[in-house]
């Protein structure tokens, strides 16, 4: 999971769902059931269209942020939602499905980069983290 400028509320909901699925997975495991959190990359949906959300007037102060996001996504090939069915069925049919699965081009690489950066930061600040225990 990661976020980007102007995605705060959207990302907060995704982080909440991730925490809920972790708890649900631990509860379901007590009954031999599995839970999988599907974490898709960008897909060609109506996410950014008026049918999906009401978009307020743009604040000119955020134009550099919008420009940077547009540049970051330039050339990005959106996945087709209908192409995910086979992948999801493979997970559902698995006797040992993952807790999380990243779907879509680049999703695994993006997540690995985010988590590699987090691990490096935790390692860099380990001494401070451990000292905060006070023992």
N, C-alpha and C. Protein backbone atom coordinates (compact mmCIF):
# COMPACT_ATOMS: atom_id res chain seq x y z
N UNK A 1 0.84 -1.17 0.00
CA UNK A 1 0.00 0.00 0.00
C UNK A 1 0.88 1.24 0.00
N UNK A 2 0.47 2.19 -0.77
CA UNK A 2 1.16 3.47 -0.78
C UNK A 2 0.18 4.53 -1.23
N UNK A 3 0.56 5.76 -1.05
CA UNK A 3 -0.32 6.85 -1.41
C UNK A 3 0.44 7.87 -2.25
N UNK A 4 -0.28 8.84 -2.73
CA UNK A 4 0.31 9.90 -3.55
C UNK A 4 -0.42 11.20 -3.23
N UNK A 5 0.19 12.33 -3.56
CA UNK A 5 -0.48 13.60 -3.32
C UNK A 5 -1.87 13.61 -3.95
N UNK A 6 -2.81 14.13 -3.22
CA UNK A 6 -4.23 14.27 -3.59
C UNK A 6 -5.01 12.96 -3.51
N UNK A 7 -4.39 11.89 -3.03
CA UNK A 7 -5.07 10.61 -2.88
C UNK A 7 -5.31 10.25 -1.41
N UNK A 8 -5.23 11.23 -0.52
CA UNK A 8 -5.30 10.96 0.91
C UNK A 8 -6.53 10.20 1.36
N UNK A 9 -7.71 10.69 1.04
CA UNK A 9 -8.95 10.04 1.48
C UNK A 9 -9.09 8.67 0.82
N UNK A 10 -8.82 8.60 -0.46
CA UNK A 10 -8.89 7.32 -1.18
C UNK A 10 -7.92 6.31 -0.54
N UNK A 11 -6.69 6.74 -0.30
CA UNK A 11 -5.69 5.84 0.28
C UNK A 11 -6.06 5.43 1.70
N UNK A 12 -6.61 6.36 2.47
CA UNK A 12 -7.02 6.03 3.84
C UNK A 12 -8.03 4.89 3.84
N UNK A 13 -8.96 4.92 2.90
CA UNK A 13 -9.95 3.84 2.84
C UNK A 13 -9.28 2.52 2.47
N UNK A 14 -8.30 2.56 1.59
CA UNK A 14 -7.59 1.34 1.20
C UNK A 14 -6.77 0.78 2.36
N UNK A 15 -6.11 1.65 3.11
CA UNK A 15 -5.34 1.20 4.27
C UNK A 15 -6.27 0.58 5.31
N UNK A 16 -7.46 1.16 5.49
CA UNK A 16 -8.43 0.61 6.44
C UNK A 16 -8.88 -0.78 6.01
N UNK A 17 -9.14 -0.95 4.72
CA UNK A 17 -9.56 -2.25 4.21
C UNK A 17 -8.45 -3.27 4.41
N UNK A 18 -7.21 -2.87 4.20
CA UNK A 18 -6.09 -3.79 4.39
C UNK A 18 -6.02 -4.28 5.84
N UNK A 19 -6.17 -3.36 6.79
CA UNK A 19 -6.16 -3.75 8.20
C UNK A 19 -7.31 -4.67 8.55
N UNK A 20 -8.49 -4.38 8.02
CA UNK A 20 -9.65 -5.21 8.27
C UNK A 20 -9.44 -6.62 7.71
N UNK A 21 -8.86 -6.72 6.50
CA UNK A 21 -8.63 -8.03 5.90
C UNK A 21 -7.59 -8.83 6.67
N UNK A 22 -6.57 -8.17 7.22
CA UNK A 22 -5.59 -8.89 8.03
C UNK A 22 -6.27 -9.51 9.24
N UNK A 23 -7.12 -8.72 9.92
CA UNK A 23 -7.84 -9.24 11.08
C UNK A 23 -8.79 -10.36 10.67
N UNK A 24 -9.54 -10.15 9.59
CA UNK A 24 -10.48 -11.16 9.11
C UNK A 24 -9.76 -12.45 8.74
N UNK A 25 -8.59 -12.33 8.13
CA UNK A 25 -7.81 -13.51 7.78
C UNK A 25 -7.43 -14.31 9.03
N UNK A 26 -7.00 -13.61 10.06
CA UNK A 26 -6.63 -14.30 11.30
C UNK A 26 -7.83 -14.97 11.96
N UNK A 27 -8.99 -14.33 11.88
CA UNK A 27 -10.21 -14.92 12.43
C UNK A 27 -10.67 -16.11 11.58
N UNK A 28 -10.66 -15.95 10.26
CA UNK A 28 -11.12 -17.01 9.36
C UNK A 28 -10.23 -18.25 9.46
N UNK A 29 -8.95 -18.03 9.70
CA UNK A 29 -8.01 -19.15 9.80
C UNK A 29 -8.40 -20.11 10.93
N UNK A 30 -9.03 -19.59 11.96
CA UNK A 30 -9.47 -20.43 13.07
C UNK A 30 -10.50 -21.47 12.61
N UNK A 31 -11.15 -21.20 11.50
CA UNK A 31 -12.17 -22.09 10.96
C UNK A 31 -11.73 -22.76 9.66
N UNK A 32 -10.43 -22.65 9.35
CA UNK A 32 -9.90 -23.27 8.15
C UNK A 32 -10.23 -22.53 6.86
N UNK A 33 -10.69 -21.30 6.99
CA UNK A 33 -11.04 -20.51 5.81
C UNK A 33 -9.89 -19.57 5.45
N UNK A 34 -9.91 -19.07 4.23
CA UNK A 34 -8.88 -18.16 3.74
C UNK A 34 -9.49 -16.84 3.30
N UNK A 35 -8.69 -15.81 3.39
CA UNK A 35 -9.09 -14.47 2.95
C UNK A 35 -7.97 -13.95 2.05
N UNK A 36 -8.32 -13.37 0.94
CA UNK A 36 -7.32 -12.76 0.05
C UNK A 36 -7.72 -11.33 -0.25
N UNK A 37 -6.78 -10.44 -0.07
CA UNK A 37 -6.97 -9.03 -0.39
C UNK A 37 -6.41 -8.79 -1.78
N UNK A 38 -7.25 -8.41 -2.71
CA UNK A 38 -6.83 -8.14 -4.08
C UNK A 38 -6.42 -6.68 -4.16
N UNK A 39 -5.16 -6.44 -4.54
CA UNK A 39 -4.62 -5.08 -4.64
C UNK A 39 -4.30 -4.80 -6.11
N UNK A 40 -5.27 -4.22 -6.82
CA UNK A 40 -5.06 -3.98 -8.24
C UNK A 40 -4.25 -2.73 -8.53
N UNK A 41 -3.53 -2.79 -9.63
CA UNK A 41 -2.87 -1.58 -10.15
C UNK A 41 -3.94 -0.78 -10.88
N UNK A 42 -3.54 0.15 -11.72
CA UNK A 42 -4.52 0.96 -12.44
C UNK A 42 -5.28 0.17 -13.49
N UNK A 43 -6.58 0.32 -13.45
CA UNK A 43 -7.45 -0.35 -14.41
C UNK A 43 -8.33 0.68 -15.10
N UNK A 44 -8.71 0.37 -16.32
CA UNK A 44 -9.55 1.26 -17.12
C UNK A 44 -10.99 1.17 -16.62
N UNK A 45 -11.30 1.96 -15.61
CA UNK A 45 -12.65 2.03 -15.06
C UNK A 45 -13.11 3.48 -15.12
N UNK A 46 -14.25 3.74 -14.55
CA UNK A 46 -14.75 5.12 -14.53
C UNK A 46 -14.33 5.85 -13.25
N UNK A 47 -13.26 5.39 -12.62
CA UNK A 47 -12.80 5.95 -11.35
C UNK A 47 -12.67 7.47 -11.38
N UNK A 48 -12.12 8.01 -12.42
CA UNK A 48 -11.87 9.46 -12.50
C UNK A 48 -12.92 10.19 -13.33
N UNK A 49 -14.06 9.60 -13.49
CA UNK A 49 -15.10 10.21 -14.31
C UNK A 49 -16.25 10.70 -13.44
N UNK A 50 -17.04 11.63 -13.94
CA UNK A 50 -18.15 12.17 -13.14
C UNK A 50 -19.12 11.11 -12.62
N UNK A 51 -19.23 9.99 -13.30
CA UNK A 51 -20.14 8.94 -12.83
C UNK A 51 -19.63 8.27 -11.56
N UNK A 52 -18.36 8.42 -11.26
CA UNK A 52 -17.75 7.78 -10.10
C UNK A 52 -17.68 8.70 -8.89
N UNK A 53 -17.43 9.96 -9.10
CA UNK A 53 -17.25 10.88 -7.98
C UNK A 53 -17.57 12.29 -8.42
N UNK A 54 -17.99 13.07 -7.46
CA UNK A 54 -18.21 14.49 -7.73
C UNK A 54 -16.88 15.19 -7.47
N UNK A 55 -16.38 15.87 -8.46
CA UNK A 55 -15.08 16.52 -8.36
C UNK A 55 -15.29 18.02 -8.17
N UNK A 56 -14.69 18.55 -7.13
CA UNK A 56 -14.84 19.98 -6.84
C UNK A 56 -13.97 20.81 -7.78
N UNK A 57 -14.18 22.10 -7.73
CA UNK A 57 -13.39 23.02 -8.56
C UNK A 57 -11.91 22.88 -8.20
N UNK A 58 -11.07 22.98 -9.19
CA UNK A 58 -9.63 22.84 -8.97
C UNK A 58 -9.06 24.08 -8.30
N UNK A 59 -8.18 23.85 -7.34
CA UNK A 59 -7.46 24.93 -6.69
C UNK A 59 -6.16 25.14 -7.47
N UNK A 60 -5.92 26.34 -7.98
CA UNK A 60 -4.71 26.58 -8.78
C UNK A 60 -3.41 26.25 -8.04
N UNK A 61 -3.42 26.33 -6.72
CA UNK A 61 -2.20 26.03 -5.96
C UNK A 61 -1.77 24.58 -6.13
N UNK A 62 -2.71 23.71 -6.49
CA UNK A 62 -2.41 22.29 -6.65
C UNK A 62 -2.05 21.91 -8.09
N UNK A 63 -2.00 22.88 -8.98
CA UNK A 63 -1.70 22.56 -10.38
C UNK A 63 -0.37 21.84 -10.54
N UNK A 64 0.70 22.23 -9.83
CA UNK A 64 1.95 21.47 -9.96
C UNK A 64 1.80 20.00 -9.54
N UNK A 65 0.96 19.74 -8.55
CA UNK A 65 0.72 18.36 -8.11
C UNK A 65 -0.01 17.59 -9.21
N UNK A 66 -1.04 18.22 -9.78
CA UNK A 66 -1.78 17.57 -10.87
C UNK A 66 -0.86 17.31 -12.06
N UNK A 67 -0.01 18.28 -12.37
CA UNK A 67 0.92 18.11 -13.50
C UNK A 67 1.89 16.96 -13.24
N UNK A 68 2.40 16.87 -12.01
CA UNK A 68 3.35 15.80 -11.67
C UNK A 68 2.67 14.43 -11.75
N UNK A 69 1.43 14.34 -11.26
CA UNK A 69 0.71 13.07 -11.34
C UNK A 69 0.44 12.69 -12.79
N UNK A 70 0.05 13.66 -13.59
CA UNK A 70 -0.20 13.39 -15.01
C UNK A 70 1.07 12.90 -15.69
N UNK A 71 2.20 13.51 -15.36
CA UNK A 71 3.48 13.09 -15.95
C UNK A 71 3.85 11.68 -15.50
N UNK A 72 3.58 11.37 -14.22
CA UNK A 72 3.91 10.05 -13.69
C UNK A 72 3.10 8.95 -14.38
N UNK A 73 1.88 9.28 -14.76
CA UNK A 73 1.02 8.28 -15.39
C UNK A 73 1.06 8.32 -16.92
N UNK A 74 1.85 9.22 -17.47
CA UNK A 74 1.94 9.31 -18.92
C UNK A 74 2.52 8.01 -19.47
N UNK A 75 1.83 7.45 -20.42
CA UNK A 75 2.28 6.20 -21.03
C UNK A 75 1.89 4.96 -20.24
N UNK A 76 1.27 5.15 -19.07
CA UNK A 76 0.85 4.01 -18.25
C UNK A 76 -0.28 3.28 -18.96
N UNK A 77 -0.13 2.00 -19.13
CA UNK A 77 -1.15 1.20 -19.80
C UNK A 77 -2.08 0.65 -18.73
N UNK A 78 -3.32 1.11 -18.78
CA UNK A 78 -4.31 0.65 -17.82
C UNK A 78 -4.72 -0.78 -18.13
N UNK A 79 -4.93 -1.55 -17.07
CA UNK A 79 -5.40 -2.92 -17.24
C UNK A 79 -6.88 -2.95 -17.60
N UNK A 80 -7.29 -4.07 -18.14
CA UNK A 80 -8.71 -4.27 -18.47
C UNK A 80 -9.35 -5.07 -17.34
N UNK A 81 -10.37 -4.54 -16.69
CA UNK A 81 -10.99 -5.25 -15.56
C UNK A 81 -11.41 -6.68 -15.91
N UNK A 82 -11.91 -6.90 -17.11
CA UNK A 82 -12.37 -8.25 -17.47
C UNK A 82 -11.22 -9.25 -17.55
N UNK A 83 -10.00 -8.78 -17.66
CA UNK A 83 -8.85 -9.68 -17.76
C UNK A 83 -8.45 -10.25 -16.40
N UNK A 84 -9.02 -9.74 -15.33
CA UNK A 84 -8.63 -10.20 -13.99
C UNK A 84 -9.35 -11.46 -13.55
N UNK A 85 -10.43 -11.81 -14.21
CA UNK A 85 -11.25 -12.94 -13.75
C UNK A 85 -10.43 -14.22 -13.61
N UNK A 86 -9.63 -14.57 -14.60
CA UNK A 86 -8.84 -15.80 -14.52
C UNK A 86 -7.87 -15.77 -13.36
N UNK A 87 -7.23 -14.62 -13.13
CA UNK A 87 -6.28 -14.51 -12.02
C UNK A 87 -7.00 -14.71 -10.68
N UNK A 88 -8.14 -14.08 -10.53
CA UNK A 88 -8.88 -14.21 -9.27
C UNK A 88 -9.37 -15.64 -9.08
N UNK A 89 -9.83 -16.29 -10.14
CA UNK A 89 -10.27 -17.68 -10.02
C UNK A 89 -9.11 -18.60 -9.64
N UNK A 90 -7.92 -18.33 -10.14
CA UNK A 90 -6.75 -19.13 -9.73
C UNK A 90 -6.51 -19.01 -8.24
N UNK A 91 -6.66 -17.80 -7.71
CA UNK A 91 -6.49 -17.59 -6.27
C UNK A 91 -7.59 -18.33 -5.50
N UNK A 92 -8.82 -18.17 -5.95
CA UNK A 92 -9.96 -18.81 -5.27
C UNK A 92 -9.81 -20.33 -5.27
N UNK A 93 -9.32 -20.89 -6.37
CA UNK A 93 -9.18 -22.34 -6.49
C UNK A 93 -7.94 -22.89 -5.79
N UNK A 94 -7.06 -22.02 -5.32
CA UNK A 94 -5.82 -22.47 -4.69
C UNK A 94 -6.10 -23.04 -3.29
N UNK A 95 -5.45 -24.15 -2.95
CA UNK A 95 -5.62 -24.68 -1.60
C UNK A 95 -4.91 -23.81 -0.55
N UNK A 96 -3.99 -22.99 -0.99
CA UNK A 96 -3.25 -22.12 -0.07
C UNK A 96 -3.11 -20.73 -0.68
N UNK A 97 -4.21 -19.98 -0.76
CA UNK A 97 -4.16 -18.67 -1.40
C UNK A 97 -3.39 -17.65 -0.57
N UNK A 98 -2.86 -16.64 -1.21
CA UNK A 98 -2.11 -15.61 -0.48
C UNK A 98 -3.07 -14.69 0.28
N UNK A 99 -2.56 -14.06 1.33
CA UNK A 99 -3.35 -13.04 2.01
C UNK A 99 -3.53 -11.84 1.09
N UNK A 100 -2.47 -11.51 0.35
CA UNK A 100 -2.52 -10.38 -0.58
C UNK A 100 -2.06 -10.84 -1.96
N UNK A 101 -2.70 -10.28 -2.97
CA UNK A 101 -2.20 -10.48 -4.33
C UNK A 101 -2.31 -9.16 -5.07
N UNK A 102 -1.22 -8.78 -5.70
CA UNK A 102 -1.19 -7.56 -6.51
C UNK A 102 -1.51 -7.97 -7.94
N UNK A 103 -2.45 -7.26 -8.54
CA UNK A 103 -2.85 -7.58 -9.91
C UNK A 103 -2.55 -6.41 -10.84
N UNK A 104 -2.15 -6.74 -12.04
CA UNK A 104 -1.93 -5.72 -13.05
C UNK A 104 -0.46 -5.47 -13.31
N UNK A 105 -0.20 -4.98 -14.50
CA UNK A 105 1.16 -4.69 -14.91
C UNK A 105 1.85 -3.71 -13.98
N UNK A 106 2.98 -4.10 -13.50
CA UNK A 106 3.77 -3.22 -12.65
C UNK A 106 3.38 -3.22 -11.19
N UNK A 107 2.26 -3.83 -10.83
CA UNK A 107 1.79 -3.76 -9.44
C UNK A 107 2.80 -4.36 -8.47
N UNK A 108 3.32 -5.54 -8.80
CA UNK A 108 4.28 -6.19 -7.90
C UNK A 108 5.55 -5.36 -7.79
N UNK A 109 6.05 -4.86 -8.91
CA UNK A 109 7.26 -4.05 -8.88
C UNK A 109 7.06 -2.77 -8.08
N UNK A 110 5.90 -2.13 -8.25
CA UNK A 110 5.61 -0.90 -7.49
C UNK A 110 5.58 -1.19 -6.00
N UNK A 111 4.88 -2.26 -5.61
CA UNK A 111 4.78 -2.59 -4.19
C UNK A 111 6.13 -3.00 -3.62
N UNK A 112 6.92 -3.75 -4.37
CA UNK A 112 8.25 -4.14 -3.89
C UNK A 112 9.12 -2.91 -3.66
N UNK A 113 9.04 -1.94 -4.55
CA UNK A 113 9.83 -0.71 -4.38
C UNK A 113 9.40 0.04 -3.13
N UNK A 114 8.09 0.13 -2.89
CA UNK A 114 7.58 0.82 -1.71
C UNK A 114 8.05 0.12 -0.44
N UNK A 115 7.90 -1.20 -0.39
CA UNK A 115 8.27 -1.93 0.82
C UNK A 115 9.78 -1.98 1.02
N UNK A 116 10.55 -2.03 -0.05
CA UNK A 116 12.01 -1.97 0.07
C UNK A 116 12.42 -0.64 0.70
N UNK A 117 11.79 0.44 0.27
CA UNK A 117 12.07 1.76 0.84
C UNK A 117 11.68 1.81 2.31
N UNK A 118 10.54 1.23 2.66
CA UNK A 118 10.10 1.22 4.06
C UNK A 118 11.08 0.43 4.93
N UNK A 119 11.50 -0.73 4.46
CA UNK A 119 12.44 -1.55 5.22
C UNK A 119 13.75 -0.80 5.43
N UNK A 120 14.22 -0.13 4.40
CA UNK A 120 15.46 0.65 4.52
C UNK A 120 15.30 1.76 5.56
N UNK A 121 14.15 2.41 5.57
CA UNK A 121 13.90 3.47 6.55
C UNK A 121 13.82 2.90 7.97
N UNK A 122 13.13 1.77 8.12
CA UNK A 122 13.06 1.14 9.45
C UNK A 122 14.45 0.75 9.92
N UNK A 123 15.27 0.19 9.03
CA UNK A 123 16.64 -0.17 9.40
C UNK A 123 17.45 1.06 9.79
N UNK A 124 17.31 2.13 9.02
CA UNK A 124 18.06 3.35 9.29
C UNK A 124 17.70 3.94 10.66
N UNK A 125 16.45 3.84 11.05
CA UNK A 125 15.97 4.44 12.30
C UNK A 125 15.77 3.41 13.41
N UNK A 126 16.32 2.22 13.24
CA UNK A 126 16.15 1.15 14.21
C UNK A 126 16.58 1.56 15.62
N UNK A 127 17.73 2.20 15.72
CA UNK A 127 18.24 2.59 17.04
C UNK A 127 17.25 3.49 17.77
N UNK A 128 16.70 4.45 17.07
CA UNK A 128 15.71 5.36 17.67
C UNK A 128 14.45 4.58 18.04
N UNK A 129 14.02 3.69 17.18
CA UNK A 129 12.83 2.89 17.45
C UNK A 129 13.00 2.04 18.70
N UNK A 130 14.13 1.36 18.80
CA UNK A 130 14.39 0.50 19.95
C UNK A 130 14.51 1.33 21.23
N UNK A 131 15.17 2.48 21.13
CA UNK A 131 15.33 3.35 22.31
C UNK A 131 13.99 3.85 22.83
N UNK A 132 13.02 3.95 21.97
CA UNK A 132 11.70 4.45 22.38
C UNK A 132 10.99 3.51 23.34
N UNK A 133 11.44 2.26 23.40
CA UNK A 133 10.86 1.29 24.33
C UNK A 133 11.17 1.67 25.77
N UNK A 134 12.33 2.29 25.96
CA UNK A 134 12.70 2.73 27.30
C UNK A 134 13.22 1.63 28.21
N UNK A 135 13.57 0.50 27.63
CA UNK A 135 14.08 -0.58 28.47
C UNK A 135 15.51 -0.91 28.13
